[in-house]
Amino acid sequence: MPDLEGFNTAPARELRPLLLECLAVPRWADAVLADRPYADVDALLAASDAAARLSDDEVRAALAGHPRIGERAGHDGVSARWSAAEQSGVESPADFLAAANRAYEERFGHIYLVCAKGLSGDQVLADLAGRMANPPEVELRVVNRELARIAALRLREVVA
């Protein structure tokens, strides 16, 4: 993976697939690429965050690349290789997490997503339970925020 200097100078065609692994939204990846060069990582993350204000359709499309919380193996989405490390602290009885995921999906029509880095299974379950009261349109904005947090986490890894 490139450092920041490499990120600033690498051909866009080489970086775009890597960016799409960070956040599977072509418009976002193109915006991040278009704003190069970045003076520092903070500038890169600020540009990422600004471009990560996604439409509802972009949020739904980006979700397609994420496994369910607690389901790491066997997922073929673009973010699967990142998810195991990001979910490493999520230890929860599989039946509780599976039931919570099902209830969430029935309520909102898409998978539950949280930036799980550093969260325990109990914290994930508490977050999921708290978000169940959200109206669907509010929940999509919450998911958008979580996607932006995940993208920032992954971008830091890309340029580390």
N, C-alpha and C. Protein backbone atom coordinates (compact mmCIF):
# COMPACT_ATOMS: atom_id res chain seq x y z
N MET A 1 0.84 -1.18 0.00
CA MET A 1 0.00 0.00 0.00
C MET A 1 0.89 1.25 0.00
N PRO A 2 0.46 2.27 -0.69
CA PRO A 2 1.30 3.48 -0.80
C PRO A 2 1.25 4.31 0.48
N ASP A 3 2.33 5.07 0.71
CA ASP A 3 2.27 6.08 1.75
C ASP A 3 1.58 7.30 1.14
N LEU A 4 1.49 8.41 1.87
CA LEU A 4 0.76 9.56 1.36
C LEU A 4 1.39 10.10 0.08
N GLU A 5 2.71 10.15 0.03
CA GLU A 5 3.37 10.63 -1.19
C GLU A 5 3.03 9.72 -2.37
N GLY A 6 3.08 8.41 -2.15
CA GLY A 6 2.71 7.46 -3.19
C GLY A 6 1.25 7.59 -3.59
N PHE A 7 0.39 7.84 -2.61
CA PHE A 7 -1.03 8.04 -2.88
C PHE A 7 -1.23 9.27 -3.76
N ASN A 8 -0.49 10.32 -3.46
CA ASN A 8 -0.62 11.57 -4.22
C ASN A 8 -0.13 11.44 -5.66
N THR A 9 0.81 10.54 -5.91
CA THR A 9 1.44 10.47 -7.24
C THR A 9 1.07 9.24 -8.06
N ALA A 10 0.49 8.24 -7.45
CA ALA A 10 0.15 7.01 -8.19
C ALA A 10 -0.93 7.30 -9.22
N PRO A 11 -0.92 6.57 -10.33
CA PRO A 11 -1.97 6.74 -11.33
C PRO A 11 -3.34 6.42 -10.74
N ALA A 12 -4.33 7.21 -11.09
CA ALA A 12 -5.69 7.03 -10.57
C ALA A 12 -6.20 5.63 -10.84
N ARG A 13 -5.88 5.07 -12.00
CA ARG A 13 -6.38 3.72 -12.35
C ARG A 13 -5.86 2.66 -11.39
N GLU A 14 -4.72 2.91 -10.75
CA GLU A 14 -4.18 1.98 -9.77
C GLU A 14 -4.82 2.17 -8.39
N LEU A 15 -5.14 3.40 -8.05
CA LEU A 15 -5.69 3.70 -6.73
C LEU A 15 -7.20 3.48 -6.64
N ARG A 16 -7.90 3.68 -7.75
CA ARG A 16 -9.36 3.61 -7.71
C ARG A 16 -9.88 2.29 -7.15
N PRO A 17 -9.36 1.13 -7.57
CA PRO A 17 -9.85 -0.13 -6.98
C PRO A 17 -9.61 -0.20 -5.46
N LEU A 18 -8.49 0.31 -5.01
CA LEU A 18 -8.19 0.32 -3.58
C LEU A 18 -9.17 1.23 -2.83
N LEU A 19 -9.45 2.38 -3.41
CA LEU A 19 -10.42 3.29 -2.79
C LEU A 19 -11.81 2.66 -2.74
N LEU A 20 -12.18 1.94 -3.79
CA LEU A 20 -13.50 1.30 -3.80
C LEU A 20 -13.60 0.18 -2.76
N GLU A 21 -12.45 -0.34 -2.31
CA GLU A 21 -12.47 -1.27 -1.18
C GLU A 21 -12.71 -0.53 0.13
N CYS A 22 -12.29 0.72 0.19
CA CYS A 22 -12.53 1.53 1.38
C CYS A 22 -13.99 1.94 1.48
N LEU A 23 -14.57 2.31 0.36
CA LEU A 23 -15.98 2.70 0.29
C LEU A 23 -16.43 2.46 -1.14
N ALA A 24 -17.33 1.53 -1.33
CA ALA A 24 -17.76 1.10 -2.66
C ALA A 24 -18.75 2.08 -3.29
N VAL A 25 -18.28 3.31 -3.46
CA VAL A 25 -19.08 4.37 -4.09
C VAL A 25 -18.17 5.06 -5.11
N PRO A 26 -18.38 4.79 -6.40
CA PRO A 26 -17.50 5.37 -7.43
C PRO A 26 -17.38 6.89 -7.36
N ARG A 27 -18.46 7.60 -7.09
CA ARG A 27 -18.41 9.06 -7.02
C ARG A 27 -17.46 9.50 -5.91
N TRP A 28 -17.52 8.83 -4.77
CA TRP A 28 -16.63 9.16 -3.65
C TRP A 28 -15.17 8.92 -4.04
N ALA A 29 -14.89 7.76 -4.61
CA ALA A 29 -13.52 7.44 -5.01
C ALA A 29 -12.99 8.47 -6.00
N ASP A 30 -13.80 8.83 -6.97
CA ASP A 30 -13.38 9.82 -7.97
C ASP A 30 -13.13 11.19 -7.34
N ALA A 31 -13.96 11.57 -6.37
CA ALA A 31 -13.77 12.86 -5.69
C ALA A 31 -12.47 12.86 -4.87
N VAL A 32 -12.20 11.76 -4.18
CA VAL A 32 -10.96 11.67 -3.39
C VAL A 32 -9.75 11.74 -4.32
N LEU A 33 -9.82 11.06 -5.44
CA LEU A 33 -8.72 11.11 -6.41
C LEU A 33 -8.56 12.50 -7.01
N ALA A 34 -9.65 13.16 -7.31
CA ALA A 34 -9.60 14.46 -7.98
C ALA A 34 -8.98 15.55 -7.12
N ASP A 35 -9.07 15.40 -5.80
CA ASP A 35 -8.56 16.43 -4.89
C ASP A 35 -7.07 16.28 -4.57
N ARG A 36 -6.42 15.27 -5.14
CA ARG A 36 -4.98 15.11 -4.90
C ARG A 36 -4.21 16.26 -5.52
N PRO A 37 -3.06 16.62 -5.01
CA PRO A 37 -2.34 16.01 -3.89
C PRO A 37 -2.82 16.54 -2.54
N TYR A 38 -2.66 15.73 -1.51
CA TYR A 38 -3.02 16.10 -0.14
C TYR A 38 -1.77 16.47 0.63
N ALA A 39 -1.86 17.54 1.39
CA ALA A 39 -0.71 18.01 2.17
C ALA A 39 -0.39 17.06 3.32
N ASP A 40 -1.42 16.43 3.87
CA ASP A 40 -1.23 15.50 4.97
C ASP A 40 -2.44 14.58 5.06
N VAL A 41 -2.36 13.63 5.96
CA VAL A 41 -3.44 12.64 6.11
C VAL A 41 -4.73 13.32 6.55
N ASP A 42 -4.63 14.33 7.40
CA ASP A 42 -5.84 15.03 7.83
C ASP A 42 -6.58 15.66 6.65
N ALA A 43 -5.83 16.21 5.70
CA ALA A 43 -6.47 16.79 4.51
C ALA A 43 -7.15 15.71 3.68
N LEU A 44 -6.51 14.55 3.55
CA LEU A 44 -7.12 13.42 2.84
C LEU A 44 -8.40 12.99 3.53
N LEU A 45 -8.37 12.87 4.85
CA LEU A 45 -9.56 12.44 5.59
C LEU A 45 -10.68 13.48 5.52
N ALA A 46 -10.32 14.75 5.51
CA ALA A 46 -11.34 15.80 5.38
C ALA A 46 -12.01 15.73 4.01
N ALA A 47 -11.22 15.51 2.97
CA ALA A 47 -11.79 15.38 1.62
C ALA A 47 -12.67 14.14 1.54
N SER A 48 -12.22 13.06 2.14
CA SER A 48 -13.02 11.83 2.16
C SER A 48 -14.35 12.07 2.85
N ASP A 49 -14.30 12.72 3.99
CA ASP A 49 -15.53 12.96 4.76
C ASP A 49 -16.49 13.86 3.97
N ALA A 50 -15.97 14.88 3.32
CA ALA A 50 -16.83 15.77 2.53
C ALA A 50 -17.49 15.01 1.37
N ALA A 51 -16.73 14.14 0.73
CA ALA A 51 -17.26 13.39 -0.41
C ALA A 51 -18.17 12.25 0.03
N ALA A 52 -18.12 11.87 1.32
CA ALA A 52 -18.89 10.73 1.82
C ALA A 52 -20.30 11.10 2.25
N ARG A 53 -20.78 12.25 1.86
CA ARG A 53 -22.19 12.58 2.07
C ARG A 53 -22.95 11.93 0.92
N LEU A 54 -23.45 10.73 1.19
CA LEU A 54 -23.97 9.86 0.14
C LEU A 54 -25.47 9.99 -0.05
N SER A 55 -25.89 9.71 -1.26
CA SER A 55 -27.33 9.60 -1.52
C SER A 55 -27.82 8.29 -0.91
N ASP A 56 -29.13 8.16 -0.76
CA ASP A 56 -29.69 6.91 -0.24
C ASP A 56 -29.30 5.73 -1.12
N ASP A 57 -29.32 5.90 -2.43
CA ASP A 57 -28.93 4.82 -3.34
C ASP A 57 -27.46 4.46 -3.18
N GLU A 58 -26.60 5.45 -2.96
CA GLU A 58 -25.18 5.17 -2.75
C GLU A 58 -24.96 4.41 -1.44
N VAL A 59 -25.71 4.78 -0.40
CA VAL A 59 -25.61 4.07 0.88
C VAL A 59 -25.98 2.61 0.67
N ARG A 60 -27.10 2.37 0.02
CA ARG A 60 -27.55 0.99 -0.21
C ARG A 60 -26.53 0.21 -1.05
N ALA A 61 -25.98 0.83 -2.07
CA ALA A 61 -24.98 0.16 -2.90
C ALA A 61 -23.72 -0.15 -2.09
N ALA A 62 -23.29 0.77 -1.26
CA ALA A 62 -22.09 0.56 -0.45
C ALA A 62 -22.30 -0.58 0.56
N LEU A 63 -23.51 -0.72 1.06
CA LEU A 63 -23.80 -1.80 2.01
C LEU A 63 -23.60 -3.18 1.38
N ALA A 64 -23.78 -3.26 0.09
CA ALA A 64 -23.66 -4.56 -0.59
C ALA A 64 -22.26 -5.15 -0.46
N GLY A 65 -21.27 -4.32 -0.20
CA GLY A 65 -19.90 -4.80 -0.07
C GLY A 65 -19.50 -5.17 1.34
N HIS A 66 -20.43 -5.10 2.27
CA HIS A 66 -20.12 -5.37 3.67
C HIS A 66 -20.79 -6.64 4.16
N PRO A 67 -20.05 -7.46 4.89
CA PRO A 67 -20.68 -8.63 5.52
C PRO A 67 -21.49 -8.17 6.74
N ARG A 68 -22.41 -9.00 7.18
CA ARG A 68 -23.12 -8.72 8.43
C ARG A 68 -22.10 -8.73 9.57
N ILE A 69 -22.39 -7.95 10.59
CA ILE A 69 -21.56 -7.98 11.80
C ILE A 69 -21.60 -9.41 12.33
N GLY A 70 -20.43 -9.95 12.59
CA GLY A 70 -20.34 -11.30 13.10
C GLY A 70 -20.20 -12.36 12.02
N GLU A 71 -20.38 -11.99 10.76
CA GLU A 71 -20.23 -12.92 9.64
C GLU A 71 -19.03 -12.49 8.82
N ARG A 72 -17.89 -13.07 9.11
CA ARG A 72 -16.67 -12.68 8.42
C ARG A 72 -16.34 -13.63 7.29
N ALA A 73 -16.45 -14.91 7.53
CA ALA A 73 -16.01 -15.91 6.55
C ALA A 73 -17.05 -16.06 5.44
N GLY A 74 -16.55 -16.32 4.24
CA GLY A 74 -17.43 -16.67 3.14
C GLY A 74 -18.06 -15.50 2.43
N HIS A 75 -17.74 -14.25 2.82
CA HIS A 75 -18.32 -13.10 2.16
C HIS A 75 -17.39 -12.64 1.05
N ASP A 76 -17.94 -12.40 -0.12
CA ASP A 76 -17.11 -12.07 -1.27
C ASP A 76 -17.10 -10.58 -1.62
N GLY A 77 -17.68 -9.72 -0.80
CA GLY A 77 -17.73 -8.30 -1.11
C GLY A 77 -16.36 -7.67 -1.09
N VAL A 78 -16.27 -6.45 -1.66
CA VAL A 78 -14.97 -5.79 -1.77
C VAL A 78 -14.36 -5.45 -0.42
N SER A 79 -15.17 -5.33 0.60
CA SER A 79 -14.61 -4.97 1.90
C SER A 79 -14.36 -6.17 2.79
N ALA A 80 -14.55 -7.38 2.28
CA ALA A 80 -14.41 -8.58 3.12
C ALA A 80 -13.02 -8.70 3.73
N ARG A 81 -11.98 -8.34 2.98
CA ARG A 81 -10.63 -8.50 3.53
C ARG A 81 -10.36 -7.54 4.67
N TRP A 82 -11.08 -6.44 4.72
CA TRP A 82 -10.91 -5.48 5.81
C TRP A 82 -11.72 -5.88 7.04
N SER A 83 -12.85 -6.53 6.84
CA SER A 83 -13.83 -6.73 7.90
C SER A 83 -13.34 -7.57 9.06
N ALA A 84 -12.55 -8.58 8.81
CA ALA A 84 -12.08 -9.44 9.90
C ALA A 84 -11.32 -8.63 10.94
N ALA A 85 -10.42 -7.78 10.51
CA ALA A 85 -9.66 -6.95 11.45
C ALA A 85 -10.56 -5.93 12.14
N GLU A 86 -11.48 -5.34 11.40
CA GLU A 86 -12.36 -4.31 11.98
C GLU A 86 -13.32 -4.88 13.00
N GLN A 87 -13.70 -6.15 12.83
CA GLN A 87 -14.65 -6.77 13.74
C GLN A 87 -13.96 -7.64 14.78
N SER A 88 -12.66 -7.55 14.89
CA SER A 88 -11.92 -8.48 15.74
C SER A 88 -12.34 -8.44 17.20
N GLY A 89 -12.84 -7.34 17.70
CA GLY A 89 -13.26 -7.27 19.10
C GLY A 89 -14.69 -7.68 19.33
N VAL A 90 -15.43 -7.96 18.27
CA VAL A 90 -16.85 -8.29 18.39
C VAL A 90 -16.98 -9.76 18.73
N GLU A 91 -17.08 -10.03 20.01
CA GLU A 91 -17.28 -11.38 20.50
C GLU A 91 -18.65 -11.39 21.17
N SER A 92 -19.58 -12.09 20.59
CA SER A 92 -20.93 -12.16 21.13
C SER A 92 -21.51 -13.49 20.74
N PRO A 93 -22.34 -14.06 21.59
CA PRO A 93 -22.97 -15.32 21.18
C PRO A 93 -23.63 -15.18 19.82
N ALA A 94 -23.29 -16.08 18.92
CA ALA A 94 -23.74 -15.97 17.54
C ALA A 94 -25.25 -15.90 17.42
N ASP A 95 -25.98 -16.61 18.27
CA ASP A 95 -27.43 -16.60 18.14
C ASP A 95 -28.02 -15.23 18.48
N PHE A 96 -27.45 -14.54 19.49
CA PHE A 96 -27.94 -13.20 19.82
C PHE A 96 -27.67 -12.23 18.67
N LEU A 97 -26.48 -12.27 18.16
CA LEU A 97 -26.11 -11.36 17.08
C LEU A 97 -26.90 -11.67 15.82
N ALA A 98 -27.07 -12.93 15.49
CA ALA A 98 -27.86 -13.31 14.31
C ALA A 98 -29.31 -12.85 14.46
N ALA A 99 -29.88 -13.03 15.63
CA ALA A 99 -31.27 -12.60 15.86
C ALA A 99 -31.39 -11.08 15.76
N ALA A 100 -30.43 -10.37 16.33
CA ALA A 100 -30.45 -8.91 16.26
C ALA A 100 -30.30 -8.43 14.81
N ASN A 101 -29.39 -9.06 14.07
CA ASN A 101 -29.22 -8.72 12.65
C ASN A 101 -30.53 -8.94 11.88
N ARG A 102 -31.19 -10.07 12.11
CA ARG A 102 -32.45 -10.36 11.42
C ARG A 102 -33.51 -9.32 11.74
N ALA A 103 -33.64 -8.97 13.02
CA ALA A 103 -34.64 -7.98 13.41
C ALA A 103 -34.36 -6.63 12.75
N TYR A 104 -33.11 -6.25 12.73
CA TYR A 104 -32.72 -4.99 12.09
C TYR A 104 -33.07 -5.01 10.60
N GLU A 105 -32.68 -6.09 9.93
CA GLU A 105 -32.93 -6.21 8.48
C GLU A 105 -34.42 -6.21 8.17
N GLU A 106 -35.22 -6.84 9.02
CA GLU A 106 -36.67 -6.83 8.82
C GLU A 106 -37.21 -5.41 8.97
N ARG A 107 -36.67 -4.67 9.91
CA ARG A 107 -37.14 -3.29 10.17
C ARG A 107 -36.73 -2.33 9.06
N PHE A 108 -35.46 -2.43 8.61
CA PHE A 108 -34.93 -1.42 7.71
C PHE A 108 -34.71 -1.88 6.28
N GLY A 109 -34.71 -3.17 6.02
CA GLY A 109 -34.54 -3.66 4.66
C GLY A 109 -33.10 -3.70 4.16
N HIS A 110 -32.14 -3.55 5.07
CA HIS A 110 -30.72 -3.65 4.72
C HIS A 110 -29.97 -4.11 5.96
N ILE A 111 -28.70 -4.51 5.75
CA ILE A 111 -27.92 -5.00 6.88
C ILE A 111 -27.60 -3.87 7.85
N TYR A 112 -27.37 -4.27 9.09
CA TYR A 112 -26.89 -3.36 10.13
C TYR A 112 -25.41 -3.12 9.90
N LEU A 113 -24.99 -1.88 10.00
CA LEU A 113 -23.58 -1.55 9.81
C LEU A 113 -23.15 -0.57 10.89
N VAL A 114 -22.01 -0.87 11.47
CA VAL A 114 -21.39 0.02 12.44
C VAL A 114 -19.89 -0.09 12.24
N CYS A 115 -19.18 0.97 12.49
CA CYS A 115 -17.72 0.92 12.49
C CYS A 115 -17.34 0.20 13.78
N ALA A 116 -17.07 -1.10 13.66
CA ALA A 116 -16.92 -1.97 14.82
C ALA A 116 -15.52 -1.97 15.43
N LYS A 117 -14.59 -1.26 14.83
CA LYS A 117 -13.21 -1.25 15.33
C LYS A 117 -13.21 -0.81 16.80
N GLY A 118 -12.72 -1.68 17.66
CA GLY A 118 -12.62 -1.35 19.07
C GLY A 118 -13.88 -1.60 19.89
N LEU A 119 -14.95 -2.07 19.27
CA LEU A 119 -16.19 -2.32 19.99
C LEU A 119 -16.28 -3.77 20.41
N SER A 120 -16.84 -4.00 21.57
CA SER A 120 -17.12 -5.36 22.03
C SER A 120 -18.47 -5.80 21.45
N GLY A 121 -18.73 -7.07 21.56
CA GLY A 121 -20.02 -7.59 21.11
C GLY A 121 -21.17 -6.94 21.85
N ASP A 122 -21.03 -6.72 23.15
CA ASP A 122 -22.08 -6.08 23.92
C ASP A 122 -22.32 -4.64 23.44
N GLN A 123 -21.25 -3.94 23.10
CA GLN A 123 -21.40 -2.57 22.60
C GLN A 123 -22.10 -2.56 21.25
N VAL A 124 -21.76 -3.51 20.40
CA VAL A 124 -22.42 -3.60 19.09
C VAL A 124 -23.90 -3.88 19.27
N LEU A 125 -24.23 -4.84 20.13
CA LEU A 125 -25.64 -5.17 20.36
C LEU A 125 -26.40 -3.98 20.95
N ALA A 126 -25.77 -3.23 21.86
CA ALA A 126 -26.42 -2.05 22.44
C ALA A 126 -26.65 -0.98 21.37
N ASP A 127 -25.66 -0.78 20.49
CA ASP A 127 -25.81 0.19 19.41
C ASP A 127 -26.95 -0.22 18.49
N LEU A 128 -26.96 -1.48 18.10
CA LEU A 128 -28.01 -1.98 17.21
C LEU A 128 -29.38 -1.79 17.86
N ALA A 129 -29.51 -2.16 19.11
CA ALA A 129 -30.80 -2.01 19.81
C ALA A 129 -31.23 -0.54 19.87
N GLY A 130 -30.29 0.35 20.13
CA GLY A 130 -30.61 1.77 20.19
C GLY A 130 -31.06 2.33 18.86
N ARG A 131 -30.51 1.81 17.78
CA ARG A 131 -30.84 2.32 16.44
C ARG A 131 -32.16 1.78 15.93
N MET A 132 -32.70 0.75 16.54
CA MET A 132 -33.97 0.18 16.08
C MET A 132 -35.12 1.18 16.17
N ALA A 133 -35.02 2.18 17.03
CA ALA A 133 -36.07 3.18 17.17
C ALA A 133 -36.01 4.27 16.10
N ASN A 134 -34.93 4.31 15.35
CA ASN A 134 -34.78 5.35 14.31
C ASN A 134 -35.82 5.17 13.20
N PRO A 135 -36.35 6.27 12.69
CA PRO A 135 -37.12 6.17 11.46
C PRO A 135 -36.18 5.74 10.33
N PRO A 136 -36.68 5.03 9.32
CA PRO A 136 -35.82 4.53 8.24
C PRO A 136 -34.95 5.61 7.58
N GLU A 137 -35.49 6.79 7.35
CA GLU A 137 -34.70 7.83 6.69
C GLU A 137 -33.57 8.33 7.60
N VAL A 138 -33.80 8.37 8.90
CA VAL A 138 -32.75 8.75 9.85
C VAL A 138 -31.69 7.65 9.90
N GLU A 139 -32.14 6.40 9.89
CA GLU A 139 -31.19 5.29 9.97
C GLU A 139 -30.27 5.26 8.76
N LEU A 140 -30.77 5.60 7.58
CA LEU A 140 -29.89 5.66 6.41
C LEU A 140 -28.78 6.70 6.60
N ARG A 141 -29.10 7.81 7.24
CA ARG A 141 -28.07 8.83 7.51
C ARG A 141 -27.07 8.32 8.55
N VAL A 142 -27.55 7.56 9.54
CA VAL A 142 -26.64 6.96 10.52
C VAL A 142 -25.71 5.97 9.81
N VAL A 143 -26.25 5.15 8.93
CA VAL A 143 -25.44 4.20 8.17
C VAL A 143 -24.42 4.97 7.32
N ASN A 144 -24.84 6.07 6.72
CA ASN A 144 -23.93 6.91 5.93
C ASN A 144 -22.76 7.36 6.80
N ARG A 145 -23.06 7.81 8.00
CA ARG A 145 -22.00 8.24 8.93
C ARG A 145 -21.05 7.09 9.25
N GLU A 146 -21.59 5.90 9.47
CA GLU A 146 -20.76 4.73 9.78
C GLU A 146 -19.90 4.34 8.57
N LEU A 147 -20.47 4.41 7.37
CA LEU A 147 -19.68 4.15 6.16
C LEU A 147 -18.53 5.13 6.05
N ALA A 148 -18.77 6.40 6.35
CA ALA A 148 -17.71 7.41 6.30
C ALA A 148 -16.62 7.12 7.33
N ARG A 149 -17.02 6.66 8.52
CA ARG A 149 -16.04 6.31 9.55
C ARG A 149 -15.19 5.12 9.12
N ILE A 150 -15.83 4.12 8.52
CA ILE A 150 -15.10 2.95 8.03
C ILE A 150 -14.15 3.35 6.91
N ALA A 151 -14.62 4.21 6.00
CA ALA A 151 -13.76 4.68 4.91
C ALA A 151 -12.53 5.40 5.46
N ALA A 152 -12.72 6.25 6.47
CA ALA A 152 -11.59 6.97 7.07
C ALA A 152 -10.61 6.01 7.72
N LEU A 153 -11.12 5.02 8.42
CA LEU A 153 -10.27 4.02 9.05
C LEU A 153 -9.44 3.29 8.01
N ARG A 154 -10.07 2.90 6.93
CA ARG A 154 -9.37 2.18 5.86
C ARG A 154 -8.38 3.08 5.13
N LEU A 155 -8.76 4.34 4.90
CA LEU A 155 -7.82 5.26 4.24
C LEU A 155 -6.56 5.44 5.07
N ARG A 156 -6.72 5.52 6.38
CA ARG A 156 -5.54 5.63 7.26
C ARG A 156 -4.62 4.43 7.04
N GLU A 157 -5.20 3.25 6.89
CA GLU A 157 -4.41 2.05 6.64
C GLU A 157 -3.72 2.11 5.27
N VAL A 158 -4.43 2.64 4.30
CA VAL A 158 -3.89 2.72 2.94
C VAL A 158 -2.62 3.57 2.92
N VAL A 159 -2.62 4.67 3.62
CA VAL A 159 -1.49 5.60 3.56
C VAL A 159 -0.55 5.46 4.76
N ALA A 160 -0.75 4.45 5.57
CA ALA A 160 0.10 4.28 6.77
C ALA A 160 1.49 3.84 6.35
